[in-house]
């Protein structure tokens, strides 16, 4: 019944609907160590306006804070908790570009549903950590005209993974710098799929 809740140390996950529709809840502090806030964990807590989310959180489920004063007070756009992308709120301007950080472990619910202004997505998620996004996460996004930029060497994985494969323009991010180590004999070997210009190499 109290207005304030502090999640105790040692908790690593807050389950689905754990505090949903607790209308008396006004403030919650989530401690370091919590890694997952599940779907609708605080959904419908209409008076909840103060939330502390630590950087340890790796994933936030769909509608985890929907219907709270805190959520309603967030500006339209990307909302991050530490390194985690969890929701886009409000209308999206034309020619919007977003970045999905490499620590993101899931995109659920209607995260980008009907974001027709989205023309560029840069996903920093490496191929070995790539997940299947929720079936409605990108529904309504123009996957013909929205370019998906992915880490160098990850294009094939994205193109073969459900939920990402629908993007028709998947482009690898070219590294800004490449370091080549010359051995004791003054030699080095480097192989690239790309055309390289060594005209200004020191």
Protein backbone atom coordinates (compact mmCIF):
# COMPACT_ATOMS: atom_id res chain seq x y z
CA UNK A 1 0.00 0.00 0.00
CA UNK A 2 2.97 2.35 0.50
CA UNK A 3 3.70 5.05 -2.03
CA UNK A 4 7.43 4.28 -2.20
CA UNK A 5 9.07 0.94 -2.97
CA UNK A 6 12.75 0.03 -2.89
CA UNK A 7 13.54 -3.27 -4.58
CA UNK A 8 15.90 -5.18 -2.25
CA UNK A 9 19.48 -6.07 -3.15
CA UNK A 10 19.90 -9.52 -4.66
CA UNK A 11 16.91 -9.27 -6.98
CA UNK A 12 17.94 -9.79 -10.61
CA UNK A 13 14.56 -9.75 -12.36
CA UNK A 14 11.21 -8.02 -11.88
CA UNK A 15 8.56 -10.32 -13.31
CA UNK A 16 5.65 -9.81 -15.68
CA UNK A 17 2.90 -7.64 -14.13
CA UNK A 18 4.79 -7.62 -10.80
CA UNK A 19 3.41 -4.22 -9.74
CA UNK A 20 0.87 -3.56 -12.47
CA UNK A 21 -2.02 -1.31 -11.51
CA UNK A 22 -0.64 -0.46 -8.06
CA UNK A 23 -2.27 2.96 -8.15
CA UNK A 24 -0.85 3.99 -4.75
CA UNK A 25 2.73 3.54 -5.96
CA UNK A 26 4.42 6.91 -6.52
CA UNK A 27 8.16 6.12 -6.42
CA UNK A 28 10.35 3.08 -7.05
CA UNK A 29 14.09 2.57 -6.69
CA UNK A 30 15.59 -0.36 -8.59
CA UNK A 31 19.04 -1.34 -7.28
CA UNK A 32 22.19 -2.25 -9.18
CA UNK A 33 22.07 -5.97 -9.95
CA UNK A 34 18.61 -6.02 -11.51
CA UNK A 35 19.09 -7.11 -15.12
CA UNK A 36 15.54 -7.57 -16.41
CA UNK A 37 12.32 -5.61 -16.01
CA UNK A 38 9.69 -7.82 -17.62
CA UNK A 39 6.58 -7.04 -19.64
CA UNK A 40 4.07 -4.72 -17.93
CA UNK A 41 6.02 -4.86 -14.65
CA UNK A 42 4.74 -1.41 -13.64
CA UNK A 43 2.04 -0.97 -16.26
CA UNK A 44 -0.98 1.01 -15.13
CA UNK A 45 0.66 2.44 -11.99
CA UNK A 46 -1.08 5.71 -12.71
CA UNK A 47 0.60 7.73 -9.92
CA UNK A 48 4.14 6.44 -10.42
CA UNK A 49 6.28 9.45 -11.36
CA UNK A 50 9.73 8.83 -9.82
CA UNK A 51 11.74 5.88 -11.12
CA UNK A 52 15.44 5.12 -10.69
CA UNK A 53 16.77 2.57 -13.21
CA UNK A 54 20.39 1.39 -12.82
CA UNK A 55 22.86 0.68 -15.61
CA UNK A 56 22.80 -3.03 -14.73
CA UNK A 57 19.42 -3.37 -16.47
CA UNK A 58 19.96 -5.21 -19.76
CA UNK A 59 16.40 -5.47 -21.04
CA UNK A 60 13.05 -3.82 -20.37
CA UNK A 61 9.92 -5.59 -21.54
CA UNK A 62 7.05 -4.24 -23.57
CA UNK A 63 4.83 -1.69 -21.82
CA UNK A 64 6.87 -2.07 -18.63
CA UNK A 65 5.99 1.50 -17.59
CA UNK A 66 2.96 2.19 -19.79
CA UNK A 67 0.32 4.32 -18.14
CA UNK A 68 2.61 5.78 -15.47
CA UNK A 69 3.10 9.51 -14.87
CA UNK A 70 6.85 8.97 -15.33
CA UNK A 71 6.32 7.54 -18.80
CA UNK A 72 3.84 10.19 -19.80
CA UNK A 73 6.34 12.89 -18.78
CA UNK A 74 9.11 11.52 -20.98
CA UNK A 75 9.77 13.55 -24.11
CA UNK A 76 8.86 11.92 -27.39
CA UNK A 77 11.78 9.97 -28.79
CA UNK A 78 14.17 7.29 -27.66
CA UNK A 79 14.16 6.40 -23.98
CA UNK A 80 17.29 4.75 -22.59
CA UNK A 81 18.01 3.04 -19.29
CA UNK A 82 21.76 2.70 -19.06
CA UNK A 83 22.66 1.14 -22.39
CA UNK A 84 19.19 -0.22 -23.08
CA UNK A 85 16.73 0.89 -25.68
CA UNK A 86 13.23 -0.07 -24.70
CA UNK A 87 10.55 2.09 -26.29
CA UNK A 88 9.81 4.84 -28.75
CA UNK A 89 7.02 7.10 -27.52
CA UNK A 90 4.99 9.49 -29.63
CA UNK A 91 5.02 10.48 -33.28
CA UNK A 92 8.23 10.30 -35.25
CA UNK A 93 9.40 13.11 -37.56
CA UNK A 94 10.28 12.37 -41.17
CA UNK A 95 13.84 11.19 -41.91
CA UNK A 96 14.50 10.06 -38.35
CA UNK A 97 17.67 8.07 -37.64
CA UNK A 98 18.06 5.96 -34.50
CA UNK A 99 20.83 3.86 -32.97
CA UNK A 100 20.31 0.58 -31.14
CA UNK A 101 23.15 0.08 -28.67
CA UNK A 102 25.25 -3.08 -28.53
CA UNK A 103 24.05 -3.91 -24.99
CA UNK A 104 20.45 -4.33 -26.12
CA UNK A 105 19.19 -7.89 -25.57
CA UNK A 106 15.67 -7.55 -26.89
CA UNK A 107 13.18 -5.33 -28.67
CA UNK A 108 9.65 -6.24 -27.67
CA UNK A 109 6.06 -5.12 -27.95
CA UNK A 110 5.30 -2.34 -30.41
CA UNK A 111 8.66 -0.64 -29.94
CA UNK A 112 8.80 0.97 -33.40
CA UNK A 113 5.32 0.14 -34.67
CA UNK A 114 4.09 2.48 -37.40
CA UNK A 115 7.17 4.73 -37.15
CA UNK A 116 6.77 5.75 -40.77
CA UNK A 117 9.34 8.55 -40.45
CA UNK A 118 12.10 6.09 -39.64
CA UNK A 119 14.56 6.07 -42.54
CA UNK A 120 17.78 4.89 -40.86
CA UNK A 121 18.52 2.35 -38.13
CA UNK A 122 22.07 1.79 -36.91
CA UNK A 123 22.25 -1.44 -34.95
CA UNK A 124 25.48 -1.95 -33.01
CA UNK A 125 24.44 -5.43 -31.87
CA UNK A 126 27.18 -7.87 -32.94
CA UNK A 127 26.29 -10.95 -34.96
CA UNK A 128 27.00 -13.34 -32.09
CA UNK A 129 24.48 -11.56 -29.82
CA UNK A 130 21.78 -10.95 -32.41
CA UNK A 131 18.26 -11.81 -31.28
CA UNK A 132 14.88 -12.17 -32.98
CA UNK A 133 12.87 -9.01 -32.23
CA UNK A 134 9.22 -9.19 -31.25
CA UNK A 135 6.91 -9.91 -34.16
CA UNK A 136 5.35 -6.43 -33.95
CA UNK A 137 8.52 -4.50 -33.04
CA UNK A 138 8.98 -3.05 -36.55
CA UNK A 139 5.46 -3.45 -37.95
CA UNK A 140 4.57 -0.50 -40.15
CA UNK A 141 8.19 0.57 -40.69
CA UNK A 142 8.98 1.03 -44.40
CA UNK A 143 11.60 -1.71 -44.71
CA UNK A 144 12.16 -0.88 -48.37
CA UNK A 145 13.32 2.69 -47.74
CA UNK A 146 14.67 2.38 -44.20
CA UNK A 147 18.39 1.53 -44.31
CA UNK A 148 19.66 -0.85 -41.63
CA UNK A 149 23.33 -0.26 -40.78
CA UNK A 150 25.01 -3.20 -39.02
CA UNK A 151 28.49 -4.00 -37.65
CA UNK A 152 31.17 -4.88 -40.17
CA UNK A 153 31.00 -8.60 -40.97
CA UNK A 154 27.45 -9.03 -39.58
CA UNK A 155 25.39 -8.43 -42.72
CA UNK A 156 24.82 -12.11 -43.54
CA UNK A 157 23.67 -12.87 -40.00
CA UNK A 158 21.17 -9.99 -40.01
CA UNK A 159 19.93 -10.95 -43.48
CA UNK A 160 19.27 -14.50 -42.26
CA UNK A 161 17.64 -13.60 -38.92
CA UNK A 162 13.88 -13.36 -38.55
CA UNK A 163 12.68 -9.82 -37.92
CA UNK A 164 15.79 -8.24 -39.47
CA UNK A 165 15.73 -10.06 -42.80
CA UNK A 166 12.78 -7.98 -44.00
CA UNK A 167 14.96 -4.87 -44.33
CA UNK A 168 15.89 -4.64 -48.00
CA UNK A 169 18.88 -2.32 -47.52
CA UNK A 170 21.33 -3.78 -45.01
CA UNK A 171 24.68 -1.99 -45.06
CA UNK A 172 27.80 -2.85 -43.07
CA UNK A 173 29.46 -0.10 -41.07
CA UNK A 174 32.99 0.40 -42.35
CA UNK A 175 35.52 0.77 -39.50
CA UNK A 176 36.84 4.32 -39.24
CA UNK A 177 40.35 3.08 -38.52
CA UNK A 178 42.17 -0.17 -39.12
CA UNK A 179 45.36 -0.95 -37.23
CA UNK A 180 47.91 -3.20 -38.90
CA UNK A 181 50.83 -4.52 -36.85
CA UNK A 182 54.17 -4.77 -38.63
CA UNK A 183 56.31 -7.65 -37.39
CA UNK A 184 60.02 -7.67 -36.57
CA UNK A 185 60.87 -8.28 -40.22
CA UNK A 186 58.99 -5.20 -41.39
CA UNK A 187 56.10 -7.18 -42.88
CA UNK A 188 52.37 -7.24 -42.28
CA UNK A 189 49.43 -9.04 -43.85
CA UNK A 190 45.95 -7.62 -44.15
CA UNK A 191 42.98 -9.01 -46.06
CA UNK A 192 39.82 -7.03 -46.87
CA UNK A 193 36.68 -7.51 -48.93
CA UNK A 194 36.79 -3.78 -49.65
CA UNK A 195 38.80 -1.67 -52.05
CA UNK A 196 41.51 0.05 -50.00
CA UNK A 197 43.36 3.28 -50.59
CA UNK A 198 46.90 3.26 -49.15
CA UNK A 199 47.95 6.54 -50.77
CA UNK A 200 48.09 8.34 -47.43
CA UNK A 201 49.33 5.51 -45.22
CA UNK A 202 52.31 6.50 -43.09
